[in-house]
Amino acid sequence: LSISRGLYHAPVVFADENELRELWSRPDTRDHLLQQLAEKGFRKEQLGEMQRIINADDSDIYDFLAYVAYALPKLTRTKRADKAKVEIHNNVDEKQEGFLDFALDQYVNVGVDELSKEKLTPLLRLKYVDSVSDAIQGLGNPYEINTVFSGFQRYLYAAKRNSAP
């Protein structure tokens, strides 16, 4: 298969839209997918440049890939985060929600790199300036924090339930 929508032709490392969504919604498999794309000549810098060409600077790389490969509409990171916040509110406790809202704000401002596992500790330090132990006290042990941080990301990339963008 190849990504092709007129302007771009690239080897694809996912079979269909559902596989792309599944791979992208987990930090570990997203990192692996980005590594595979880089090995095929599509590093983050090139993907970012292609995003700019199609006026998707404020979208996630996922949206660029889905747009080019499957002609799906692009969502901005803000719209994607707002949609996820509704699900987060319904599925996590108040303290977790506060941290996840903070993480989503970073995602909106900076991009998907803010949601990698390597960014979890820096995000905790940024949010809980006093100490990471405050985060542990409020959010749970490191395993629970990691699970919540990785798990909430599926809400960002969940399939639409209706046809509204």
N, C-alpha and C. Protein backbone atom coordinates (compact mmCIF):
# COMPACT_ATOMS: atom_id res chain seq x y z
N LEU A 1 0.83 -1.19 0.00
CA LEU A 1 0.00 0.00 0.00
C LEU A 1 0.87 1.25 0.00
N SER A 2 0.30 2.34 -0.40
CA SER A 2 1.04 3.61 -0.32
C SER A 2 0.07 4.72 0.03
N ILE A 3 0.63 5.71 0.73
CA ILE A 3 -0.15 6.92 0.98
C ILE A 3 -0.15 7.65 -0.35
N SER A 4 -1.31 7.91 -0.89
CA SER A 4 -1.32 8.68 -2.12
C SER A 4 -2.61 9.46 -2.23
N ARG A 5 -2.44 10.72 -2.38
CA ARG A 5 -3.59 11.60 -2.56
C ARG A 5 -3.17 12.73 -3.47
N GLY A 6 -2.64 12.32 -4.60
CA GLY A 6 -2.20 13.32 -5.55
C GLY A 6 -0.77 13.77 -5.32
N LEU A 7 -0.50 14.42 -4.19
CA LEU A 7 0.81 15.01 -3.96
C LEU A 7 1.82 14.05 -3.36
N TYR A 8 1.40 13.07 -2.61
CA TYR A 8 2.33 12.26 -1.83
C TYR A 8 2.21 10.79 -2.17
N HIS A 9 3.34 10.13 -2.19
CA HIS A 9 3.39 8.68 -2.36
C HIS A 9 4.39 8.16 -1.34
N ALA A 10 3.94 7.40 -0.39
CA ALA A 10 4.83 6.90 0.65
C ALA A 10 4.42 5.50 1.04
N PRO A 11 5.39 4.65 1.32
CA PRO A 11 5.03 3.32 1.81
C PRO A 11 4.29 3.45 3.14
N VAL A 12 3.27 2.67 3.32
CA VAL A 12 2.46 2.74 4.53
C VAL A 12 2.77 1.52 5.40
N VAL A 13 2.76 1.76 6.67
CA VAL A 13 3.04 0.69 7.61
C VAL A 13 1.80 0.34 8.43
N PHE A 14 0.64 0.69 7.88
CA PHE A 14 -0.64 0.33 8.48
C PHE A 14 -1.57 -0.08 7.35
N ALA A 15 -2.45 -1.00 7.65
CA ALA A 15 -3.29 -1.60 6.61
C ALA A 15 -4.52 -0.76 6.25
N ASP A 16 -5.10 -0.11 7.27
CA ASP A 16 -6.32 0.63 7.02
C ASP A 16 -6.49 1.69 8.10
N GLU A 17 -7.57 2.45 7.98
CA GLU A 17 -7.83 3.54 8.92
C GLU A 17 -7.92 3.05 10.37
N ASN A 18 -8.57 1.92 10.58
CA ASN A 18 -8.71 1.40 11.95
C ASN A 18 -7.36 1.03 12.55
N GLU A 19 -6.49 0.44 11.74
CA GLU A 19 -5.16 0.09 12.24
C GLU A 19 -4.35 1.36 12.54
N LEU A 20 -4.44 2.35 11.67
CA LEU A 20 -3.76 3.62 11.92
C LEU A 20 -4.23 4.21 13.24
N ARG A 21 -5.54 4.26 13.45
CA ARG A 21 -6.11 4.81 14.69
C ARG A 21 -5.63 4.03 15.90
N GLU A 22 -5.63 2.70 15.79
CA GLU A 22 -5.20 1.86 16.90
C GLU A 22 -3.71 2.08 17.23
N LEU A 23 -2.89 2.12 16.21
CA LEU A 23 -1.46 2.34 16.41
C LEU A 23 -1.18 3.73 16.98
N TRP A 24 -1.89 4.72 16.49
CA TRP A 24 -1.62 6.10 16.89
C TRP A 24 -2.14 6.41 18.29
N SER A 25 -3.12 5.71 18.76
CA SER A 25 -3.73 6.06 20.04
C SER A 25 -2.99 5.50 21.26
N ARG A 26 -1.89 4.81 21.04
CA ARG A 26 -1.05 4.33 22.16
C ARG A 26 0.37 4.84 21.97
N PRO A 27 0.93 5.48 22.99
CA PRO A 27 2.26 6.09 22.83
C PRO A 27 3.33 5.13 22.33
N ASP A 28 3.35 3.90 22.83
CA ASP A 28 4.41 2.97 22.42
C ASP A 28 4.27 2.57 20.95
N THR A 29 3.08 2.28 20.49
CA THR A 29 2.91 1.89 19.09
C THR A 29 3.00 3.11 18.17
N ARG A 30 2.62 4.29 18.67
CA ARG A 30 2.77 5.52 17.88
C ARG A 30 4.26 5.78 17.63
N ASP A 31 5.07 5.64 18.67
CA ASP A 31 6.51 5.83 18.50
C ASP A 31 7.08 4.84 17.50
N HIS A 32 6.62 3.60 17.57
CA HIS A 32 7.09 2.58 16.63
C HIS A 32 6.66 2.93 15.20
N LEU A 33 5.44 3.38 15.02
CA LEU A 33 4.95 3.78 13.70
C LEU A 33 5.77 4.95 13.16
N LEU A 34 6.05 5.94 14.00
CA LEU A 34 6.86 7.07 13.56
C LEU A 34 8.27 6.62 13.18
N GLN A 35 8.79 5.65 13.91
CA GLN A 35 10.11 5.10 13.59
C GLN A 35 10.07 4.39 12.23
N GLN A 36 9.03 3.63 11.99
CA GLN A 36 8.90 2.94 10.70
C GLN A 36 8.78 3.94 9.55
N LEU A 37 8.00 4.99 9.75
CA LEU A 37 7.87 6.01 8.72
C LEU A 37 9.20 6.71 8.47
N ALA A 38 9.94 6.99 9.55
CA ALA A 38 11.25 7.62 9.41
C ALA A 38 12.21 6.73 8.62
N GLU A 39 12.15 5.43 8.87
CA GLU A 39 13.00 4.50 8.14
C GLU A 39 12.66 4.49 6.65
N LYS A 40 11.45 4.86 6.32
CA LYS A 40 11.03 4.91 4.92
C LYS A 40 11.19 6.32 4.33
N GLY A 41 11.87 7.19 5.09
CA GLY A 41 12.17 8.52 4.58
C GLY A 41 11.21 9.60 5.01
N PHE A 42 10.29 9.30 5.91
CA PHE A 42 9.31 10.29 6.36
C PHE A 42 9.49 10.56 7.85
N ARG A 43 10.50 11.39 8.13
CA ARG A 43 10.78 11.79 9.52
C ARG A 43 9.75 12.85 9.93
N LYS A 44 9.72 13.15 11.23
CA LYS A 44 8.76 14.13 11.74
C LYS A 44 8.88 15.46 11.02
N GLU A 45 10.12 15.85 10.70
CA GLU A 45 10.30 17.13 10.02
C GLU A 45 9.61 17.13 8.65
N GLN A 46 9.78 16.03 7.90
CA GLN A 46 9.14 15.95 6.59
C GLN A 46 7.63 15.89 6.72
N LEU A 47 7.15 15.14 7.70
CA LEU A 47 5.71 15.07 7.92
C LEU A 47 5.16 16.44 8.29
N GLY A 48 5.91 17.17 9.12
CA GLY A 48 5.50 18.53 9.49
C GLY A 48 5.44 19.46 8.30
N GLU A 49 6.42 19.34 7.42
CA GLU A 49 6.41 20.17 6.20
C GLU A 49 5.21 19.83 5.33
N MET A 50 4.91 18.56 5.20
CA MET A 50 3.75 18.15 4.40
C MET A 50 2.46 18.65 5.04
N GLN A 51 2.41 18.67 6.37
CA GLN A 51 1.24 19.23 7.06
C GLN A 51 1.05 20.69 6.68
N ARG A 52 2.14 21.44 6.67
CA ARG A 52 2.05 22.86 6.31
C ARG A 52 1.53 23.04 4.88
N ILE A 53 1.96 22.17 3.97
CA ILE A 53 1.55 22.28 2.58
C ILE A 53 0.04 22.12 2.43
N ILE A 54 -0.56 21.25 3.26
CA ILE A 54 -2.01 21.04 3.16
C ILE A 54 -2.78 21.86 4.20
N ASN A 55 -2.12 22.87 4.75
CA ASN A 55 -2.75 23.76 5.75
C ASN A 55 -3.27 23.00 6.96
N ALA A 56 -2.45 22.13 7.49
CA ALA A 56 -2.83 21.35 8.67
C ALA A 56 -1.82 21.55 9.81
N ASP A 57 -1.24 22.74 9.89
CA ASP A 57 -0.24 23.04 10.92
C ASP A 57 -0.78 22.82 12.33
N ASP A 58 -2.06 23.12 12.51
CA ASP A 58 -2.64 23.01 13.85
C ASP A 58 -3.34 21.67 14.06
N SER A 59 -3.07 20.73 13.17
CA SER A 59 -3.62 19.37 13.31
C SER A 59 -2.54 18.43 13.81
N ASP A 60 -2.95 17.29 14.22
CA ASP A 60 -2.07 16.21 14.65
C ASP A 60 -1.49 15.54 13.41
N ILE A 61 -0.32 14.94 13.54
CA ILE A 61 0.25 14.17 12.43
C ILE A 61 -0.73 13.05 12.04
N TYR A 62 -1.44 12.51 13.01
CA TYR A 62 -2.46 11.49 12.71
C TYR A 62 -3.44 12.02 11.66
N ASP A 63 -3.89 13.25 11.84
CA ASP A 63 -4.86 13.83 10.91
C ASP A 63 -4.27 13.98 9.52
N PHE A 64 -3.00 14.34 9.46
CA PHE A 64 -2.33 14.42 8.16
C PHE A 64 -2.32 13.04 7.49
N LEU A 65 -1.90 12.02 8.23
CA LEU A 65 -1.84 10.67 7.67
C LEU A 65 -3.22 10.18 7.23
N ALA A 66 -4.23 10.40 8.06
CA ALA A 66 -5.59 9.96 7.74
C ALA A 66 -6.15 10.73 6.55
N TYR A 67 -5.82 12.00 6.45
CA TYR A 67 -6.28 12.83 5.35
C TYR A 67 -5.66 12.37 4.03
N VAL A 68 -4.36 12.16 4.05
CA VAL A 68 -3.66 11.77 2.83
C VAL A 68 -4.00 10.35 2.42
N ALA A 69 -4.05 9.43 3.37
CA ALA A 69 -4.28 8.02 3.05
C ALA A 69 -5.74 7.70 2.80
N TYR A 70 -6.66 8.35 3.52
CA TYR A 70 -8.07 7.94 3.48
C TYR A 70 -9.04 9.09 3.23
N ALA A 71 -8.53 10.26 2.89
CA ALA A 71 -9.36 11.43 2.61
C ALA A 71 -10.30 11.78 3.77
N LEU A 72 -9.84 11.52 4.99
CA LEU A 72 -10.64 11.89 6.16
C LEU A 72 -10.46 13.37 6.45
N PRO A 73 -11.49 14.01 7.00
CA PRO A 73 -11.35 15.43 7.33
C PRO A 73 -10.31 15.63 8.43
N LYS A 74 -9.60 16.75 8.34
CA LYS A 74 -8.60 17.09 9.35
C LYS A 74 -9.29 17.75 10.53
N LEU A 75 -8.88 17.37 11.73
CA LEU A 75 -9.32 18.06 12.94
C LEU A 75 -8.14 18.84 13.49
N THR A 76 -8.41 19.98 14.06
CA THR A 76 -7.34 20.69 14.76
C THR A 76 -7.06 19.95 16.07
N ARG A 77 -5.88 20.19 16.63
CA ARG A 77 -5.58 19.59 17.94
C ARG A 77 -6.56 20.09 18.99
N THR A 78 -6.99 21.33 18.86
CA THR A 78 -7.95 21.89 19.82
C THR A 78 -9.27 21.12 19.77
N LYS A 79 -9.80 20.90 18.58
CA LYS A 79 -11.06 20.16 18.46
C LYS A 79 -10.90 18.73 18.94
N ARG A 80 -9.78 18.13 18.62
CA ARG A 80 -9.51 16.75 19.04
C ARG A 80 -9.45 16.69 20.57
N ALA A 81 -8.78 17.65 21.19
CA ALA A 81 -8.66 17.69 22.65
C ALA A 81 -10.01 17.94 23.30
N ASP A 82 -10.79 18.86 22.75
CA ASP A 82 -12.11 19.16 23.31
C ASP A 82 -13.01 17.92 23.28
N LYS A 83 -12.95 17.19 22.19
CA LYS A 83 -13.74 15.96 22.07
C LYS A 83 -13.28 14.94 23.13
N ALA A 84 -11.98 14.83 23.32
CA ALA A 84 -11.46 13.87 24.29
C ALA A 84 -11.80 14.26 25.72
N LYS A 85 -11.83 15.56 26.00
CA LYS A 85 -12.12 16.03 27.37
C LYS A 85 -13.48 15.55 27.85
N VAL A 86 -14.45 15.47 26.96
CA VAL A 86 -15.78 14.98 27.34
C VAL A 86 -15.68 13.54 27.84
N GLU A 87 -14.97 12.71 27.10
CA GLU A 87 -14.81 11.31 27.50
C GLU A 87 -13.97 11.18 28.76
N ILE A 88 -12.93 11.98 28.87
CA ILE A 88 -12.08 11.95 30.06
C ILE A 88 -12.90 12.30 31.29
N HIS A 89 -13.71 13.35 31.18
CA HIS A 89 -14.55 13.78 32.29
C HIS A 89 -15.46 12.63 32.76
N ASN A 90 -15.92 11.82 31.84
CA ASN A 90 -16.82 10.72 32.18
C ASN A 90 -16.11 9.46 32.66
N ASN A 91 -14.78 9.40 32.53
CA ASN A 91 -14.10 8.14 32.79
C ASN A 91 -12.95 8.18 33.79
N VAL A 92 -12.59 9.34 34.29
CA VAL A 92 -11.50 9.41 35.28
C VAL A 92 -11.95 10.25 36.47
N ASP A 93 -11.19 10.14 37.56
CA ASP A 93 -11.56 10.94 38.72
C ASP A 93 -11.08 12.38 38.56
N GLU A 94 -11.48 13.23 39.48
CA GLU A 94 -11.24 14.67 39.37
C GLU A 94 -9.76 15.02 39.34
N LYS A 95 -8.96 14.38 40.16
CA LYS A 95 -7.52 14.68 40.18
C LYS A 95 -6.86 14.25 38.88
N GLN A 96 -7.22 13.08 38.39
CA GLN A 96 -6.67 12.61 37.12
C GLN A 96 -7.11 13.55 36.00
N GLU A 97 -8.36 13.97 36.04
CA GLU A 97 -8.88 14.87 35.01
C GLU A 97 -8.09 16.17 34.97
N GLY A 98 -7.74 16.70 36.14
CA GLY A 98 -6.95 17.94 36.18
C GLY A 98 -5.60 17.77 35.50
N PHE A 99 -4.94 16.65 35.76
CA PHE A 99 -3.65 16.41 35.11
C PHE A 99 -3.82 16.17 33.61
N LEU A 100 -4.82 15.40 33.24
CA LEU A 100 -5.03 15.11 31.82
C LEU A 100 -5.43 16.36 31.04
N ASP A 101 -6.20 17.24 31.65
CA ASP A 101 -6.52 18.52 31.01
C ASP A 101 -5.24 19.32 30.77
N PHE A 102 -4.34 19.30 31.76
CA PHE A 102 -3.06 19.98 31.62
C PHE A 102 -2.26 19.36 30.47
N ALA A 103 -2.21 18.03 30.42
CA ALA A 103 -1.47 17.34 29.35
C ALA A 103 -2.08 17.67 27.99
N LEU A 104 -3.40 17.74 27.92
CA LEU A 104 -4.06 18.09 26.65
C LEU A 104 -3.75 19.52 26.23
N ASP A 105 -3.66 20.43 27.19
CA ASP A 105 -3.29 21.80 26.85
C ASP A 105 -1.88 21.84 26.24
N GLN A 106 -0.97 21.05 26.80
CA GLN A 106 0.38 20.96 26.24
C GLN A 106 0.34 20.38 24.83
N TYR A 107 -0.48 19.35 24.64
CA TYR A 107 -0.65 18.74 23.32
C TYR A 107 -1.17 19.76 22.30
N VAL A 108 -2.17 20.54 22.69
CA VAL A 108 -2.74 21.54 21.78
C VAL A 108 -1.68 22.57 21.41
N ASN A 109 -0.89 23.02 22.38
CA ASN A 109 0.09 24.08 22.15
C ASN A 109 1.34 23.60 21.43
N VAL A 110 1.77 22.36 21.71
CA VAL A 110 3.07 21.90 21.21
C VAL A 110 2.93 20.81 20.15
N GLY A 111 2.02 19.87 20.36
CA GLY A 111 1.85 18.78 19.42
C GLY A 111 1.89 17.42 20.09
N VAL A 112 1.80 16.39 19.27
CA VAL A 112 1.67 15.02 19.75
C VAL A 112 2.90 14.54 20.53
N ASP A 113 4.05 15.14 20.30
CA ASP A 113 5.25 14.74 21.05
C ASP A 113 5.04 14.89 22.55
N GLU A 114 4.17 15.80 22.95
CA GLU A 114 3.90 16.01 24.38
C GLU A 114 3.18 14.81 25.01
N LEU A 115 2.71 13.89 24.18
CA LEU A 115 1.98 12.73 24.70
C LEU A 115 2.83 11.46 24.69
N SER A 116 4.13 11.60 24.41
CA SER A 116 4.99 10.42 24.44
C SER A 116 5.28 10.04 25.89
N LYS A 117 5.65 8.79 26.10
CA LYS A 117 5.96 8.32 27.45
C LYS A 117 7.12 9.09 28.06
N GLU A 118 8.05 9.52 27.21
CA GLU A 118 9.21 10.26 27.70
C GLU A 118 8.82 11.62 28.28
N LYS A 119 7.67 12.13 27.90
CA LYS A 119 7.22 13.43 28.38
C LYS A 119 6.41 13.35 29.67
N LEU A 120 6.07 12.15 30.12
CA LEU A 120 5.23 12.03 31.31
C LEU A 120 5.88 12.67 32.53
N THR A 121 7.10 12.31 32.84
CA THR A 121 7.76 12.88 34.02
C THR A 121 7.93 14.40 33.89
N PRO A 122 8.40 14.92 32.74
CA PRO A 122 8.47 16.39 32.63
C PRO A 122 7.10 17.07 32.77
N LEU A 123 6.06 16.45 32.25
CA LEU A 123 4.71 17.03 32.42
C LEU A 123 4.30 17.03 33.88
N LEU A 124 4.60 15.95 34.59
CA LEU A 124 4.29 15.89 36.02
C LEU A 124 5.04 16.98 36.77
N ARG A 125 6.31 17.16 36.44
CA ARG A 125 7.11 18.20 37.11
C ARG A 125 6.59 19.59 36.78
N LEU A 126 6.13 19.78 35.57
CA LEU A 126 5.60 21.08 35.16
C LEU A 126 4.28 21.37 35.86
N LYS A 127 3.43 20.37 35.95
CA LYS A 127 2.12 20.54 36.58
C LYS A 127 2.23 20.61 38.11
N TYR A 128 3.05 19.74 38.67
CA TYR A 128 3.20 19.67 40.13
C TYR A 128 4.57 20.23 40.49
N VAL A 129 4.67 21.54 40.44
CA VAL A 129 5.94 22.23 40.60
C VAL A 129 6.62 21.87 41.92
N ASP A 130 5.84 21.68 42.97
CA ASP A 130 6.43 21.41 44.27
C ASP A 130 7.21 20.10 44.27
N SER A 131 6.58 19.03 43.79
CA SER A 131 7.29 17.75 43.72
C SER A 131 6.44 16.71 43.01
N VAL A 132 7.13 15.76 42.41
CA VAL A 132 6.45 14.65 41.75
C VAL A 132 5.73 13.80 42.79
N SER A 133 6.20 13.83 44.04
CA SER A 133 5.50 13.06 45.07
C SER A 133 4.08 13.60 45.28
N ASP A 134 3.87 14.90 45.03
CA ASP A 134 2.51 15.44 45.08
C ASP A 134 1.64 14.81 44.00
N ALA A 135 2.24 14.57 42.85
CA ALA A 135 1.51 13.91 41.76
C ALA A 135 1.14 12.49 42.17
N ILE A 136 2.09 11.79 42.74
CA ILE A 136 1.84 10.40 43.16
C ILE A 136 0.75 10.37 44.22
N GLN A 137 0.81 11.30 45.13
CA GLN A 137 -0.21 11.37 46.18
C GLN A 137 -1.59 11.62 45.59
N GLY A 138 -1.68 12.47 44.58
CA GLY A 138 -2.97 12.81 44.00
C GLY A 138 -3.43 11.88 42.89
N LEU A 139 -2.48 11.28 42.16
CA LEU A 139 -2.84 10.51 40.98
C LEU A 139 -2.67 9.00 41.13
N GLY A 140 -1.92 8.57 42.11
CA GLY A 140 -1.67 7.14 42.29
C GLY A 140 -0.21 6.81 42.09
N ASN A 141 0.10 5.55 42.17
CA ASN A 141 1.50 5.13 42.02
C ASN A 141 1.94 5.31 40.56
N PRO A 142 3.25 5.23 40.32
CA PRO A 142 3.75 5.47 38.95
C PRO A 142 3.09 4.59 37.89
N TYR A 143 2.81 3.33 38.21
CA TYR A 143 2.15 2.45 37.24
C TYR A 143 0.75 2.99 36.90
N GLU A 144 0.00 3.41 37.92
CA GLU A 144 -1.35 3.95 37.68
C GLU A 144 -1.29 5.24 36.87
N ILE A 145 -0.32 6.10 37.19
CA ILE A 145 -0.18 7.35 36.44
C ILE A 145 0.12 7.05 34.98
N ASN A 146 1.05 6.15 34.74
CA ASN A 146 1.41 5.77 33.38
C ASN A 146 0.21 5.19 32.63
N THR A 147 -0.56 4.34 33.32
CA THR A 147 -1.73 3.72 32.70
C THR A 147 -2.78 4.76 32.33
N VAL A 148 -3.03 5.71 33.21
CA VAL A 148 -4.00 6.77 32.94
C VAL A 148 -3.50 7.65 31.79
N PHE A 149 -2.21 8.01 31.81
CA PHE A 149 -1.64 8.87 30.79
C PHE A 149 -1.68 8.20 29.41
N SER A 150 -1.30 6.95 29.35
CA SER A 150 -1.34 6.24 28.07
C SER A 150 -2.77 5.93 27.66
N GLY A 151 -3.59 5.54 28.63
CA GLY A 151 -4.95 5.10 28.33
C GLY A 151 -5.87 6.20 27.83
N PHE A 152 -5.73 7.41 28.35
CA PHE A 152 -6.64 8.47 27.93
C PHE A 152 -6.47 8.83 26.47
N GLN A 153 -5.32 8.51 25.89
CA GLN A 153 -5.05 8.93 24.53
C GLN A 153 -5.96 8.26 23.50
N ARG A 154 -6.54 7.14 23.88
CA ARG A 154 -7.50 6.51 22.95
C ARG A 154 -8.70 7.42 22.70
N TYR A 155 -9.03 8.28 23.67
CA TYR A 155 -10.15 9.20 23.48
C TYR A 155 -9.83 10.26 22.42
N LEU A 156 -8.56 10.61 22.29
CA LEU A 156 -8.16 11.60 21.29
C LEU A 156 -8.42 11.11 19.87
N TYR A 157 -8.28 9.81 19.67
CA TYR A 157 -8.33 9.26 18.32
C TYR A 157 -9.51 8.34 18.09
N ALA A 158 -10.47 8.35 19.00
CA ALA A 158 -11.65 7.50 18.84
C ALA A 158 -12.39 7.85 17.56
N ALA A 159 -12.97 6.84 16.95
CA ALA A 159 -13.75 7.07 15.73
C ALA A 159 -14.94 7.95 16.07
N LYS A 160 -15.34 8.75 15.11
CA LYS A 160 -16.50 9.62 15.32
C LYS A 160 -17.75 8.79 15.51
N ARG A 161 -18.61 9.28 16.38
CA ARG A 161 -19.88 8.58 16.61
C ARG A 161 -20.98 9.08 15.69
N ASN A 162 -20.76 10.26 15.14
CA ASN A 162 -21.73 10.81 14.18
C ASN A 162 -20.95 11.47 13.06
N SER A 163 -21.64 12.01 12.10
CA SER A 163 -20.98 12.56 10.93
C SER A 163 -20.54 14.01 11.09
N ALA A 164 -20.84 14.64 12.20
CA ALA A 164 -20.42 16.04 12.39
C ALA A 164 -18.91 16.09 12.61
N PRO A 165 -18.19 17.06 12.04
CA PRO A 165 -16.74 17.16 12.21
C PRO A 165 -16.35 17.58 13.60
